[in-house]
Amino acid sequence: MKQVKFDFERIGTVDDFYLVAKRELELPEYFGKNLDALWDSITGDIALPLSVQFVNISMTQLETFEKLISLFEEAAEELGDDFTFEYYLKPMY
């Protein structure tokens, strides 16, 4: 199973996320950089099986990336064993 890890110490905005996602998930050239296009790509364009992790998300970033997290959780439910998703908050010291 291919694994893709998104490190949110290096991703500050939703636009940053889409740039990294296009490369890491090998999204098609016509990818539209929005939630609908991401859903279509995850459920139809990317190679499965796939495991996706969001790491180092700070508490302040949760609101910014809430819709993306929800989309990936929904995709994991929809695609079953072919797609897994986990996210990890950045430890607070």
Protein backbone atom coordinates (compact mmCIF):
# COMPACT_ATOMS: atom_id res chain seq x y z
CA MET A 1 0.00 0.00 0.00
CA LYS A 2 1.41 3.39 -0.98
CA GLN A 3 1.72 5.87 1.90
CA VAL A 4 1.52 9.65 1.60
CA LYS A 5 2.34 11.90 4.54
CA PHE A 6 1.42 15.59 4.62
CA ASP A 7 3.55 17.50 7.14
CA PHE A 8 1.67 20.59 8.29
CA GLU A 9 4.83 22.19 9.62
CA ARG A 10 5.46 22.79 5.91
CA ILE A 11 1.86 23.45 4.87
CA GLY A 12 0.42 26.74 6.07
CA THR A 13 -2.53 27.40 3.80
CA VAL A 14 -5.11 25.45 1.84
CA ASP A 15 -3.39 26.58 -1.37
CA ASP A 16 -0.12 25.14 -0.04
CA PHE A 17 -1.93 21.87 0.64
CA TYR A 18 -3.29 21.64 -2.91
CA LEU A 19 0.18 22.23 -4.39
CA VAL A 20 1.65 19.42 -2.29
CA ALA A 21 -1.36 17.15 -2.85
CA LYS A 22 -1.16 17.51 -6.61
CA ARG A 23 2.44 16.27 -6.54
CA GLU A 24 2.20 13.64 -3.79
CA LEU A 25 -1.12 12.11 -4.86
CA GLU A 26 -0.19 12.41 -8.55
CA LEU A 27 -3.39 14.27 -9.32
CA PRO A 28 -4.30 14.92 -12.95
CA GLU A 29 -3.14 18.09 -14.70
CA TYR A 30 -6.70 19.39 -14.85
CA PHE A 31 -7.12 19.15 -11.03
CA GLY A 32 -9.22 22.13 -9.90
CA LYS A 33 -7.74 22.86 -6.44
CA ASN A 34 -11.03 22.74 -4.55
CA LEU A 35 -12.85 20.23 -2.35
CA ASP A 36 -15.11 18.91 -5.13
CA ALA A 37 -12.15 18.30 -7.44
CA LEU A 38 -10.21 16.66 -4.61
CA TRP A 39 -13.12 14.32 -3.86
CA ASP A 40 -13.43 13.38 -7.53
CA SER A 41 -9.70 12.68 -7.73
CA ILE A 42 -9.55 10.62 -4.54
CA THR A 43 -12.56 8.53 -5.50
CA GLY A 44 -11.71 8.14 -9.16
CA ASP A 45 -8.28 9.28 -10.33
CA ILE A 46 -5.67 8.17 -7.81
CA ALA A 47 -4.11 4.73 -7.59
CA LEU A 48 -5.40 2.62 -4.73
CA PRO A 49 -4.71 1.20 -2.20
CA LEU A 50 -3.44 4.31 -0.44
CA SER A 51 -2.73 5.39 3.12
CA VAL A 52 -2.75 9.13 3.89
CA GLN A 53 -1.51 10.81 7.04
CA PHE A 54 -1.70 14.43 8.10
CA VAL A 55 1.02 15.07 10.69
CA ASN A 56 2.02 18.03 12.86
CA ILE A 57 -1.30 19.86 12.62
CA SER A 58 -1.35 22.58 15.26
CA MET A 59 -4.47 23.42 17.21
CA THR A 60 -4.60 26.77 15.40
CA GLN A 61 -4.56 25.00 12.00
CA LEU A 62 -7.47 22.68 12.78
CA GLU A 63 -10.12 25.21 11.79
CA THR A 64 -8.32 26.08 8.54
CA PHE A 65 -8.05 22.44 7.48
CA GLU A 66 -11.27 21.11 9.03
CA LYS A 67 -13.03 20.62 5.68
CA LEU A 68 -10.04 18.80 4.21
CA ILE A 69 -9.86 16.48 7.22
CA SER A 70 -13.60 15.76 6.90
CA LEU A 71 -13.22 15.01 3.19
CA PHE A 72 -10.41 12.52 3.83
CA GLU A 73 -12.37 10.87 6.66
CA GLU A 74 -15.39 10.52 4.38
CA ALA A 75 -13.23 9.07 1.60
CA ALA A 76 -11.86 6.48 4.05
CA GLU A 77 -15.41 5.44 4.91
CA GLU A 78 -16.46 5.32 1.26
CA LEU A 79 -13.43 3.45 -0.09
CA GLY A 80 -13.01 0.98 2.76
CA ASP A 81 -9.78 -1.00 2.98
CA ASP A 82 -8.38 0.60 -0.18
CA PHE A 83 -7.97 4.00 1.49
CA THR A 84 -6.94 4.83 5.03
CA PHE A 85 -6.61 8.23 6.65
CA GLU A 86 -5.20 9.38 9.98
CA TYR A 87 -4.24 12.76 11.35
CA TYR A 88 -2.02 13.70 14.23
CA LEU A 89 -1.91 16.94 16.16
CA LYS A 90 1.43 18.61 16.72
CA PRO A 91 2.57 17.96 20.29
CA MET A 92 2.34 20.99 22.54
CA TYR A 93 5.37 21.52 24.73
